[in-house]
Amino acid sequence: MTTDYDIAVIGLGAVGAMAAWRAAAAGARVIGFEQFQPGHAHGSSHGGTRIFRRTLFEGVDYVPLIDASKALWLELERETRRTLFTRTGGLVIGPHDEEVVRLALVSAEAGGFEHAVLDSDELASRYPQHTPTPGHVAVFEPGAGVLDPEASIRAAVALARELGGALISGERVARVDGSGADAVITTARGDTVRARRAIVASGAWIGEMVPQLRLALSIQRSSHVWFRGADMSSFGVQRFPVFVREGGGFDLWGIPDVSASGVKIGAGASAPKPALASPGENVRTIDMRDTAPAESACSQGIRGLVARAIRASACMNSRTPDGDFILGVHPAAPALVLAGGFSGHGFKHATGSAQLCVDLALEGASRIPNERFHPTRFDGSLDEDLNGGSVL
């Protein structure tokens, strides 16, 4: 069976679901494929909560992307009449001269959004849950908070279907060929679909989907771990902002007790994370290798929680060598727009990343710059024309 579409979306995880919605909203003929069910727990976009923050120590190149993402998250809430975001405020904590603190301030000033700097005394007074350390300060962002990943993905998929998108769950794509004028998608059942462009947003499976491109990606198993304490009222959304803390011996992040399920604490990038040769290896049950780093981080950085996991789940991070995303067109596959390598910090950017990909698929360029995220940056073969690098 051969069917013609404007856009095929491969993978209906965070970016893929949002891309299907944005493409359908633009009036494109859209088909999408998801090997599991939207909002599944097999990849990188589950666990009930994800941090949304605009204090981006990843760099100012991310500011246009997060600005677009914020507007689109709000639009998705309006269009679906669902609450997907809970405002908690956010903290970036570290020594006053730590790079994450400095870069958080740079992005806040570049983005022009409300923020404040708390000195050590103010931090200890307002948020005594954090282990006090002389010289540690915090950049406070009142507008930060928590996104519901599963609900967001399902809401985007439902909206895309309402707008005419043909989104297929439980259908694995076996092969995608983007070397010609059109993208040709072959499913595991042997069906063939032709689309003008395909957006490949298959998470940790993206390398397997386009092996010919030899993308510079590795896969890590990363864990979500929840904790409780004697006084959980100190860790509710009104009293315990989402946070990232680095430097001075600390490396952890956390999310408040959003739905009486516990406080989520994670060990940061410096903690050991098991490498996976393929997504299929992420099958073992949770054990101490998953929970111990978070328990250590909780014990070190948080007061008032018992540093023993009450539950945990595993997800996967597809990582690039520089930690930046892959968003753009590879010259060897001009009919494909690649979206992957989100390196553990992509969910908050999912809507903006999706819009960028849809822009490239439909128009060949986007108002959201993507030069930093070009797929071929690791081999020096940047081609701005194929990138859509001319920014509208």
Foldseek 3Di string as FASTA:
>chain_A
DEDEWAEEEEALALQSLLLLLVCLVVVTAYEYEHQADQLDFLAFQADFKDKADQLDLVAQLCNLLLVLLVVVVVVLCVVLVDDFWDFQKEKEKEAPPDSSNVSSVVRCVVNVADKDKAAQVRCCVQQVQWDRDHRMIIIIHRRITIGGRRVSSVSSNVNSVVSPYHYDYSWAWQEWAQQDQWIWTATPVGDIYTHNAYEYDRELCSCVHCVVLVFQKWKWKAKKFFWAFPDLVCQESHRNGWYAYDYPPAGKTWHGCDPVPGITIGGHPVDDTDTDPGSVVPPDDDDCSHLVRRLVNCVNTGPGINSDTPDMDIHMAIAHPVQPWAFFADNSRLRYTYTYRNNNRCNSSSNSSSVQNSCCSPPVAEQSACPVRHRCVVVPPDDCSSRSRPHD
